[in-house]
Amino acid sequence: MKSIPLFLLSTLLLLPLTHGESKRPNFLIIFIDDLGYGDPGCYGNPGIETPHIDRLAEQGTRFTSFYAQTVCGPSRGALMTGRYPKRIGGGWQTNANEVFISEILQEAGYRTGCIGKWDMSRRRYQEKLVPNSQGFDHYFGALGANDANKVTLYENREKLETTEDMAGLSRLFTDKGIEFLEQQNADQPFFLYLAHTMMHVVIDASPEFRDKTGKGLYADTLVELDHEIGRLLRKLDELGLAEDTLVLFTSDNGPWSNDVKRQRAKNARYVEWTEGPETAWGRSGPLRGAKATTWEGGVRVPGMVRWPGRVAAGTTRDAMISTLDVLPTFAALAGVADAVPDDRPIDGFDQTGLLLGKSAEGARDHFFYYDEGELQAVRKGPWKLRLPGLKKLRKWPDLDRGTQEVELYHLENDLAESNNVAAEHPDVVRELTAFAKEAE
């Protein structure tokens, strides 16, 4: 690995692994694709039952200000490196010299596995950018997305097959995740990153779930995905791993609900999806906007953490937290905080205090909203400033472009970003404008 001193590594490998406070936790990230803030039942969806996802909220802490990034590949890079996408390559390809949390944990003695969608090597095999070159002992999945109604599967560095069975991917990736858990050595901690392709189009559900909800294909697909999450979590219980495993459940960005016209025009399957009794797209719930925007609905996502006996159960917190915070937080919990790179900016914060209930506010008091490398908004405390004259807005016909003037929202009072109060608070506008300039 690129930045862990040998003396530190040798010390880490001597850490005690007995039960109790000194035992390093296992880490399991369940990363959903294009799942909207309003999709799970525990985030207010009245029409789709997601009992296994909801149970994570009951058994852990649910966050209502959990931030990712605007789109798939950049969001995954931010999760792995703790750095805003503009720093690490900007798009669907990371720089080879970036330090991933998987590398830090692998060198600290963790067994590491990546299952599912990668999307950090420009959707193709590149020797230095694929999972096995970025700290993962084992990989099974697709290097890109399923937009084209097919994915090419890899196991480690070996190319396997190209499949058009989108309906089988949720089960397949769960099966592979379960295999990883079943091969676990009780004396070695693990890090499993399971990144599903659903709910990213092309969505589909297997025959067992297709047309069963009566609410359209999106609902069928989400119910199946929830079922598979339940299978994975039951396996943790069966193997006696649940008590020692921190589970993070979240999404890469908001729902892809703002590109319907363009997609319907170019793909007949989209027409089929939108003919059902309910929308075939995810929901942002009370939030404005969706995927590929810097409105709250584009980057504020479901986020839950469960760690029995350590993370409070049945708790909801509004403190700001982000996928950017995963690297420093997991490193701290694993006892390797010193392994976080200090030769580059790290945009994540160690949120150990927030997760363990020692801090209600957490370590993050701001968030910068980027899309395609352009800073489009900034949040500090409850205030969010959307900058004027944005240039990197996608040409989707359904995209919400706002006024293109200065917009200020008080998110605690106006979660939907519906009341621009810039004229009433020029002092806040000045402060956040200056803060935004510091970020650039």
Protein backbone atom coordinates (compact mmCIF):
# COMPACT_ATOMS: atom_id res chain seq x y z
CA MET A 1 0.00 0.00 0.00
CA LYS A 2 1.13 3.47 -0.70
CA SER A 3 1.36 5.16 2.68
CA ILE A 4 1.34 2.82 5.72
CA PRO A 5 4.77 2.59 7.39
CA LEU A 6 6.05 -0.92 8.03
CA PHE A 7 6.52 -0.28 11.75
CA LEU A 8 2.84 0.71 12.01
CA LEU A 9 1.71 -2.34 10.08
CA SER A 10 3.62 -4.69 12.36
CA THR A 11 2.03 -3.02 15.37
CA LEU A 12 -1.43 -3.37 13.91
CA LEU A 13 -1.06 -7.07 13.33
CA LEU A 14 -0.39 -7.52 17.05
CA LEU A 15 -3.68 -5.89 18.10
CA PRO A 16 -5.74 -8.19 20.34
CA LEU A 17 -8.72 -9.84 18.69
CA THR A 18 -10.60 -11.00 21.75
CA HIS A 19 -14.25 -10.17 22.35
CA GLY A 20 -14.94 -6.81 23.91
CA GLU A 21 -13.77 -3.25 23.44
CA SER A 22 -10.39 -4.22 21.98
CA LYS A 23 -11.74 -6.33 19.13
CA ARG A 24 -11.60 -4.63 15.78
CA PRO A 25 -14.97 -4.61 14.06
CA ASN A 26 -15.82 -6.20 10.77
CA PHE A 27 -17.19 -3.76 8.19
CA LEU A 28 -20.00 -4.43 5.73
CA ILE A 29 -21.09 -1.73 3.27
CA ILE A 30 -24.33 -2.37 1.38
CA PHE A 31 -24.22 0.20 -1.40
CA ILE A 32 -27.40 0.57 -3.45
CA ASP A 33 -27.47 2.18 -6.89
CA ASP A 34 -29.84 5.14 -7.48
CA LEU A 35 -31.96 4.47 -4.40
CA GLY A 36 -33.92 7.62 -3.57
CA TYR A 37 -34.22 9.21 -0.15
CA GLY A 38 -37.94 8.46 -0.18
CA ASP A 39 -37.73 4.86 -1.39
CA PRO A 40 -37.40 2.78 1.84
CA GLY A 41 -40.35 2.49 4.16
CA CYS A 42 -38.31 3.86 7.07
CA TYR A 43 -37.81 7.07 5.09
CA GLY A 44 -41.51 7.55 4.53
CA ASN A 45 -42.46 5.47 1.51
CA PRO A 46 -46.06 4.38 2.16
CA GLY A 47 -46.43 2.23 -0.93
CA ILE A 48 -43.49 -0.21 -1.02
CA GLU A 49 -42.67 -2.62 1.79
CA THR A 50 -38.97 -2.86 2.65
CA PRO A 51 -38.98 -4.76 5.95
CA HIS A 52 -35.32 -5.80 5.95
CA ILE A 53 -34.03 -2.33 5.16
CA ASP A 54 -36.41 -0.93 7.77
CA ARG A 55 -35.12 -3.41 10.32
CA LEU A 56 -31.63 -1.93 9.93
CA ALA A 57 -33.13 1.37 11.07
CA GLU A 58 -34.78 -0.36 14.02
CA GLN A 59 -31.56 -2.10 15.02
CA GLY A 60 -29.25 0.83 14.37
CA THR A 61 -29.14 4.56 13.73
CA ARG A 62 -30.91 6.21 10.80
CA PHE A 63 -29.41 9.42 9.45
CA THR A 64 -31.56 12.08 7.79
CA SER A 65 -28.65 14.24 6.54
CA PHE A 66 -26.53 11.55 4.92
CA TYR A 67 -24.71 12.83 1.82
CA ALA A 68 -23.22 11.02 -1.16
CA GLN A 69 -22.37 12.51 -4.59
CA THR A 70 -24.48 13.28 -7.65
CA VAL A 71 -23.74 10.27 -9.88
CA CYS A 72 -22.48 6.70 -9.78
CA GLY A 73 -18.74 6.52 -10.51
CA PRO A 74 -17.71 9.74 -8.75
CA SER A 75 -19.77 8.73 -5.73
CA ARG A 76 -17.95 5.42 -5.43
CA GLY A 77 -14.58 7.10 -5.70
CA ALA A 78 -15.53 9.52 -2.92
CA LEU A 79 -16.68 6.64 -0.72
CA MET A 80 -13.43 4.73 -1.15
CA THR A 81 -10.97 7.63 -0.84
CA GLY A 82 -12.67 10.15 1.46
CA ARG A 83 -12.04 12.81 -1.20
CA TYR A 84 -14.34 14.85 -3.39
CA PRO A 85 -14.47 13.48 -6.96
CA LYS A 86 -12.74 16.56 -8.43
CA ARG A 87 -9.59 15.55 -6.54
CA ILE A 88 -9.43 11.93 -7.69
CA GLY A 89 -10.02 12.01 -11.42
CA GLY A 90 -13.39 13.69 -11.49
CA GLY A 91 -15.51 11.03 -13.14
CA TRP A 92 -15.77 7.30 -13.59
CA GLN A 93 -12.04 6.73 -13.21
CA THR A 94 -9.92 7.27 -10.13
CA ASN A 95 -6.20 8.00 -10.08
CA ALA A 96 -4.05 4.94 -9.55
CA ASN A 97 -2.20 6.58 -6.65
CA GLU A 98 -5.34 7.18 -4.59
CA VAL A 99 -5.47 5.38 -1.24
CA PHE A 100 -8.67 3.37 -0.76
CA ILE A 101 -10.12 2.37 2.59
CA SER A 102 -9.81 -1.22 1.35
CA GLU A 103 -6.04 -0.78 1.07
CA ILE A 104 -5.78 0.63 4.57
CA LEU A 105 -7.81 -2.21 6.04
CA GLN A 106 -6.08 -4.88 3.95
CA GLU A 107 -2.67 -3.82 5.25
CA ALA A 108 -4.08 -3.72 8.76
CA GLY A 109 -4.81 -7.43 8.50
CA TYR A 110 -8.40 -7.37 7.26
CA ARG A 111 -9.71 -9.81 4.68
CA THR A 112 -11.26 -7.64 1.98
CA GLY A 113 -13.94 -8.41 -0.58
CA CYS A 114 -15.73 -6.41 -3.26
CA ILE A 115 -18.91 -7.73 -4.84
CA GLY A 116 -20.98 -6.05 -7.54
CA LYS A 117 -20.63 -2.77 -9.41
CA TRP A 118 -17.18 -1.15 -9.47
CA ASP A 119 -17.43 1.84 -11.88
CA MET A 120 -14.09 3.39 -10.97
CA SER A 121 -12.01 2.23 -13.98
CA ARG A 122 -14.05 3.87 -16.77
CA ARG A 123 -16.16 0.72 -16.98
CA ARG A 124 -13.40 -1.44 -18.40
CA TYR A 125 -10.46 -3.49 -17.19
CA GLN A 126 -7.45 -1.33 -16.37
CA GLU A 127 -4.71 -3.17 -14.55
CA LYS A 128 -3.99 -0.52 -11.89
CA LEU A 129 -7.58 0.59 -11.32
CA VAL A 130 -9.57 -2.60 -10.78
CA PRO A 131 -10.53 -3.88 -7.31
CA ASN A 132 -7.63 -6.32 -6.90
CA SER A 133 -5.24 -3.41 -7.45
CA GLN A 134 -7.06 -1.23 -4.93
CA GLY A 135 -6.87 -3.32 -1.79
CA PHE A 136 -9.43 -6.05 -2.37
CA ASP A 137 -8.37 -9.68 -1.89
CA HIS A 138 -11.41 -10.92 -3.80
CA TYR A 139 -13.67 -9.41 -6.43
CA PHE A 140 -16.76 -10.62 -8.25
CA GLY A 141 -18.93 -8.29 -10.26
CA ALA A 142 -19.24 -5.86 -13.14
CA LEU A 143 -16.72 -3.12 -13.80
CA GLY A 144 -19.45 -0.85 -15.20
CA ALA A 145 -23.14 -0.11 -15.01
CA ASN A 146 -26.07 -1.95 -16.56
CA ASP A 147 -27.38 0.91 -18.72
CA ALA A 148 -27.07 -1.15 -21.91
CA ASN A 149 -29.17 -4.03 -20.56
CA LYS A 150 -26.09 -6.19 -20.08
CA VAL A 151 -23.05 -6.48 -17.86
CA THR A 152 -19.74 -8.29 -18.21
CA LEU A 153 -18.82 -10.21 -15.09
CA TYR A 154 -15.34 -10.61 -13.65
CA GLU A 155 -13.93 -12.77 -10.89
CA ASN A 156 -10.79 -11.15 -9.59
CA ARG A 157 -8.89 -10.31 -12.79
CA GLU A 158 -10.56 -12.94 -14.95
CA LYS A 159 -13.26 -12.00 -17.43
CA LEU A 160 -16.14 -14.48 -17.18
CA GLU A 161 -19.23 -13.78 -19.27
CA THR A 162 -21.55 -11.07 -20.50
CA THR A 163 -25.11 -11.48 -19.29
CA GLU A 164 -28.42 -9.80 -20.09
CA ASP A 165 -30.08 -11.31 -17.02
CA MET A 166 -30.63 -8.08 -15.12
CA ALA A 167 -33.33 -9.75 -13.03
CA GLY A 168 -30.81 -12.18 -11.55
CA LEU A 169 -28.14 -9.70 -10.47
CA SER A 170 -29.47 -8.90 -6.99
CA ARG A 171 -29.56 -12.59 -6.11
CA LEU A 172 -26.23 -13.34 -7.80
CA PHE A 173 -24.35 -10.61 -5.95
CA THR A 174 -25.96 -11.60 -2.66
CA ASP A 175 -24.95 -15.22 -3.24
CA LYS A 176 -21.37 -14.11 -3.78
CA GLY A 177 -21.48 -11.92 -0.69
CA ILE A 178 -22.73 -14.88 1.34
CA GLU A 179 -19.92 -17.05 -0.04
CA PHE A 180 -17.42 -14.45 1.14
CA LEU A 181 -18.92 -14.49 4.64
CA GLU A 182 -19.00 -18.30 4.77
CA GLN A 183 -15.27 -18.42 4.03
CA GLN A 184 -14.48 -16.04 6.87
CA ASN A 185 -11.80 -16.94 9.38
CA ALA A 186 -13.05 -16.22 12.89
CA ASP A 187 -9.62 -14.87 13.91
CA GLN A 188 -9.41 -12.28 11.11
CA PRO A 189 -11.64 -9.22 10.71
CA PHE A 190 -13.20 -8.56 7.30
CA PHE A 191 -14.32 -5.70 5.11
CA LEU A 192 -17.03 -6.56 2.57
CA TYR A 193 -18.19 -3.94 0.07
CA LEU A 194 -21.35 -5.19 -1.66
CA ALA A 195 -22.40 -2.74 -4.37
CA HIS A 196 -25.68 -3.72 -6.04
CA THR A 197 -26.52 -2.68 -9.60
CA MET A 198 -30.19 -2.14 -8.72
CA MET A 199 -31.94 0.30 -8.62
CA HIS A 200 -30.02 1.69 -11.59
CA VAL A 201 -31.71 1.16 -14.93
CA VAL A 202 -31.99 -1.29 -16.57
CA ILE A 203 -34.11 -2.49 -13.62
CA ASP A 204 -35.76 -5.90 -13.52
CA ALA A 205 -37.12 -8.41 -11.05
CA SER A 206 -36.95 -12.21 -11.15
CA PRO A 207 -40.12 -14.26 -11.81
CA GLU A 208 -40.61 -14.80 -8.07
CA PHE A 209 -41.11 -11.04 -7.61
CA ARG A 210 -42.16 -9.74 -11.02
CA ASP A 211 -45.70 -8.28 -11.08
CA LYS A 212 -46.25 -9.24 -7.44
CA THR A 213 -46.59 -5.81 -5.81
CA GLY A 214 -49.17 -4.44 -8.25
CA LYS A 215 -47.26 -1.17 -8.12
CA GLY A 216 -44.99 -1.44 -11.11
CA LEU A 217 -41.58 -2.84 -11.94
CA TYR A 218 -39.65 -0.43 -9.73
CA ALA A 219 -41.59 -1.63 -6.70
CA ASP A 220 -41.11 -5.28 -7.69
CA THR A 221 -37.37 -4.76 -8.10
CA LEU A 222 -37.01 -2.92 -4.80
CA VAL A 223 -38.95 -5.59 -2.91
CA GLU A 224 -36.65 -8.24 -4.35
CA LEU A 225 -33.58 -6.22 -3.45
CA ASP A 226 -34.90 -5.86 0.10
CA HIS A 227 -35.39 -9.64 0.24
CA GLU A 228 -31.78 -10.20 -0.80
CA ILE A 229 -30.52 -7.77 1.83
CA GLY A 230 -32.47 -9.83 4.34
CA ARG A 231 -30.71 -13.00 3.17
CA LEU A 232 -27.30 -11.39 3.63
CA LEU A 233 -28.08 -10.10 7.11
CA ARG A 234 -29.49 -13.49 8.18
CA LYS A 235 -26.23 -15.09 7.12
CA LEU A 236 -24.36 -12.71 9.44
CA ASP A 237 -26.61 -13.94 12.24
CA GLU A 238 -26.19 -17.63 11.34
CA LEU A 239 -22.41 -17.31 11.29
CA GLY A 240 -22.33 -15.45 14.60
CA LEU A 241 -20.81 -12.37 12.96
CA ALA A 242 -23.56 -9.81 13.51
CA GLU A 243 -22.43 -8.62 16.94
CA ASP A 244 -18.95 -7.81 15.68
CA THR A 245 -19.95 -6.26 12.36
CA LEU A 246 -20.65 -2.61 11.60
CA VAL A 247 -23.15 -2.51 8.74
CA LEU A 248 -23.47 0.65 6.66
CA PHE A 249 -26.43 0.82 4.28
CA THR A 250 -26.65 3.70 1.83
CA SER A 251 -27.00 4.77 -1.81
CA ASP A 252 -24.62 6.34 -4.32
CA ASN A 253 -26.96 9.20 -5.27
CA GLY A 254 -30.61 10.13 -5.61
CA PRO A 255 -33.12 8.41 -7.89
CA TRP A 256 -32.91 8.61 -11.67
CA SER A 257 -36.37 10.14 -11.93
CA ASN A 258 -35.48 13.27 -13.88
CA ASP A 259 -34.51 11.79 -17.25
CA VAL A 260 -37.73 10.05 -18.24
CA LYS A 261 -38.47 11.85 -21.51
CA ARG A 262 -35.01 11.31 -22.95
CA GLN A 263 -34.89 7.68 -21.91
CA ARG A 264 -38.36 6.91 -23.24
CA ALA A 265 -37.36 8.37 -26.60
CA LYS A 266 -34.28 6.19 -26.99
CA ASN A 267 -35.23 2.88 -25.40
CA ALA A 268 -38.47 0.95 -25.80
CA ARG A 269 -37.96 -0.79 -22.47
CA TYR A 270 -38.34 2.52 -20.68
CA VAL A 271 -41.75 2.89 -22.29
CA GLU A 272 -42.73 -0.49 -20.87
CA TRP A 273 -41.60 0.51 -17.37
CA THR A 274 -43.59 3.73 -17.38
CA GLU A 275 -46.86 2.12 -18.45
CA GLY A 276 -47.46 0.49 -15.06
CA PRO A 277 -49.82 1.66 -12.31
CA GLU A 278 -46.99 3.41 -10.45
CA THR A 279 -43.88 5.27 -11.55
CA ALA A 280 -40.96 3.09 -12.58
CA TRP A 281 -38.59 5.54 -10.95
CA GLY A 282 -37.42 6.10 -7.41
CA ARG A 283 -38.59 8.84 -5.10
CA SER A 284 -36.78 11.73 -3.47
CA GLY A 285 -39.51 11.92 -0.84
CA PRO A 286 -39.69 15.45 0.61
CA LEU A 287 -36.52 16.54 -1.17
CA ARG A 288 -36.17 18.63 -4.30
CA GLY A 289 -34.39 17.21 -7.33
CA ALA A 290 -32.93 13.84 -8.16
CA LYS A 291 -29.82 12.14 -9.52
CA ALA A 292 -27.15 14.26 -11.23
CA THR A 293 -28.24 17.44 -9.45
CA THR A 294 -26.95 19.27 -6.41
CA TRP A 295 -30.43 19.75 -5.00
CA GLU A 296 -30.92 17.73 -1.83
CA GLY A 297 -32.70 14.97 -3.74
CA GLY A 298 -29.59 14.36 -5.81
CA VAL A 299 -27.11 13.84 -2.98
CA ARG A 300 -29.02 13.32 0.28
CA VAL A 301 -29.64 9.59 0.48
CA PRO A 302 -30.82 6.91 2.92
CA GLY A 303 -28.06 6.13 5.38
CA MET A 304 -28.15 3.69 8.28
CA VAL A 305 -25.49 2.20 10.53
CA ARG A 306 -25.94 -0.90 12.68
CA TRP A 307 -23.42 -2.25 15.16
CA PRO A 308 -25.17 -4.08 18.01
CA GLY A 309 -24.23 -2.82 21.43
CA ARG A 310 -22.10 0.02 20.06
CA VAL A 311 -24.33 2.07 17.74
CA ALA A 312 -27.62 3.09 19.34
CA ALA A 313 -30.64 1.13 18.09
CA GLY A 314 -33.88 2.76 17.00
CA THR A 315 -32.26 6.18 16.84
CA THR A 316 -32.63 8.94 14.24
CA ARG A 317 -30.02 11.67 13.89
CA ASP A 318 -30.00 14.79 11.69
CA ALA A 319 -26.28 15.48 12.06
CA MET A 320 -24.44 15.83 8.75
CA ILE A 321 -22.54 12.72 7.68
CA SER A 322 -21.25 11.62 4.30
CA THR A 323 -19.78 8.71 2.40
CA LEU A 324 -16.64 10.87 2.43
CA ASP A 325 -16.42 10.13 6.15
CA VAL A 326 -16.15 6.36 5.69
CA LEU A 327 -12.37 6.22 5.21
CA PRO A 328 -11.31 8.18 8.31
CA THR A 329 -14.08 6.67 10.45
CA PHE A 330 -13.41 3.04 9.52
CA ALA A 331 -9.68 3.59 9.89
CA ALA A 332 -10.21 4.97 13.40
CA LEU A 333 -12.53 2.14 14.44
CA ALA A 334 -10.01 -0.39 13.13
CA GLY A 335 -7.27 1.24 15.23
CA VAL A 336 -5.35 2.57 12.22
CA ALA A 337 -6.22 6.26 12.21
CA ASP A 338 -2.55 7.05 11.58
CA ALA A 339 -2.82 5.25 8.23
CA VAL A 340 -5.10 7.93 6.77
CA PRO A 341 -2.95 9.72 4.16
CA ASP A 342 -1.56 13.05 5.27
CA ASP A 343 0.07 13.93 1.93
CA ARG A 344 -3.21 15.02 0.28
CA PRO A 345 -6.46 16.70 1.30
CA ILE A 346 -8.93 14.32 2.95
CA ASP A 347 -12.46 15.70 2.82
CA GLY A 348 -13.94 13.12 5.17
CA PHE A 349 -14.19 13.44 8.95
CA ASP A 350 -13.80 10.82 11.64
CA GLN A 351 -17.40 10.29 12.74
CA THR A 352 -16.64 7.76 15.48
CA GLY A 353 -18.13 10.04 18.13
CA LEU A 354 -21.37 10.43 16.20
CA LEU A 355 -21.74 6.71 15.52
CA LEU A 356 -20.99 5.69 19.09
CA GLY A 357 -23.29 8.29 20.62
CA LYS A 358 -20.55 10.43 22.12
CA SER A 359 -21.47 13.44 19.98
CA ALA A 360 -24.92 14.50 18.80
CA GLU A 361 -23.56 17.00 16.26
CA GLY A 362 -20.82 14.86 14.76
CA ALA A 363 -17.59 16.09 13.23
CA ARG A 364 -19.01 17.57 10.01
CA ASP A 365 -20.51 21.06 9.94
CA HIS A 366 -20.41 21.66 6.19
CA PHE A 367 -20.72 19.97 2.82
CA PHE A 368 -19.69 21.08 -0.66
CA TYR A 369 -21.97 20.11 -3.54
CA TYR A 370 -20.03 19.35 -6.74
CA ASP A 371 -21.16 18.03 -10.09
CA GLU A 372 -18.70 17.37 -12.90
CA GLY A 373 -16.05 19.23 -10.93
CA GLU A 374 -18.10 22.41 -10.60
CA LEU A 375 -18.93 23.67 -7.13
CA GLN A 376 -22.66 24.36 -7.34
CA ALA A 377 -23.72 24.77 -3.71
CA VAL A 378 -22.42 24.78 -0.17
CA ARG A 379 -24.08 23.90 3.12
CA LYS A 380 -22.93 25.19 6.49
CA GLY A 381 -25.07 24.32 9.47
CA PRO A 382 -28.73 24.64 8.41
CA TRP A 383 -27.96 27.08 5.57
CA LYS A 384 -27.49 26.04 1.94
CA LEU A 385 -26.34 28.47 -0.72
CA ARG A 386 -26.84 27.57 -4.38
CA LEU A 387 -24.42 29.51 -6.55
CA PRO A 388 -25.46 31.52 -9.62
CA GLY A 389 -24.56 31.01 -13.29
CA LEU A 390 -23.90 27.25 -13.16
CA LYS A 391 -22.33 25.81 -16.29
CA LYS A 392 -22.26 22.05 -15.69
CA LEU A 393 -26.01 21.32 -15.78
CA ARG A 394 -26.94 18.24 -17.77
CA LYS A 395 -29.18 18.60 -20.80
CA TRP A 396 -31.82 16.20 -19.57
CA PRO A 397 -35.25 17.66 -20.37
CA ASP A 398 -36.64 16.89 -16.92
CA LEU A 399 -33.71 18.39 -14.99
CA ASP A 400 -34.51 21.11 -12.43
CA ARG A 401 -32.14 23.99 -13.23
CA GLY A 402 -33.36 26.44 -10.62
CA THR A 403 -33.22 30.18 -11.22
CA GLN A 404 -29.49 30.36 -12.04
CA GLU A 405 -29.36 33.23 -9.57
CA VAL A 406 -28.23 33.18 -5.94
CA GLU A 407 -30.52 30.93 -3.92
CA LEU A 408 -30.43 30.50 -0.14
CA TYR A 409 -32.36 27.90 1.80
CA HIS A 410 -32.70 27.14 5.50
CA LEU A 411 -32.84 23.35 5.34
CA GLU A 412 -34.16 22.82 8.85
CA ASN A 413 -37.19 24.96 8.03
CA ASP A 414 -37.39 24.26 4.30
CA LEU A 415 -36.23 20.76 3.47
CA ALA A 416 -37.86 20.97 0.04
CA GLU A 417 -35.76 24.00 -0.97
CA SER A 418 -38.92 25.79 -2.00
CA ASN A 419 -38.43 29.21 -0.38
CA ASN A 420 -35.41 31.21 -1.53
CA VAL A 421 -34.57 33.58 1.34
CA ALA A 422 -31.42 35.13 -0.14
CA ALA A 423 -32.94 38.62 -0.18
CA GLU A 424 -33.85 38.39 3.52
CA HIS A 425 -30.39 37.21 4.65
CA PRO A 426 -27.66 39.03 2.70
CA ASP A 427 -25.21 38.48 5.55
CA VAL A 428 -25.55 34.69 5.25
CA VAL A 429 -25.20 34.94 1.47
CA ARG A 430 -21.95 36.89 1.88
CA GLU A 431 -20.59 34.44 4.44
CA LEU A 432 -21.36 31.34 2.39
CA THR A 433 -20.16 32.92 -0.84
CA ALA A 434 -16.80 33.58 0.80
CA PHE A 435 -16.78 30.03 2.19
CA ALA A 436 -17.45 28.65 -1.29
CA LYS A 437 -14.50 30.59 -2.70
CA GLU A 438 -12.25 28.99 -0.10
CA ALA A 439 -13.32 25.58 -1.34
CA GLU A 440 -12.39 26.35 -4.93
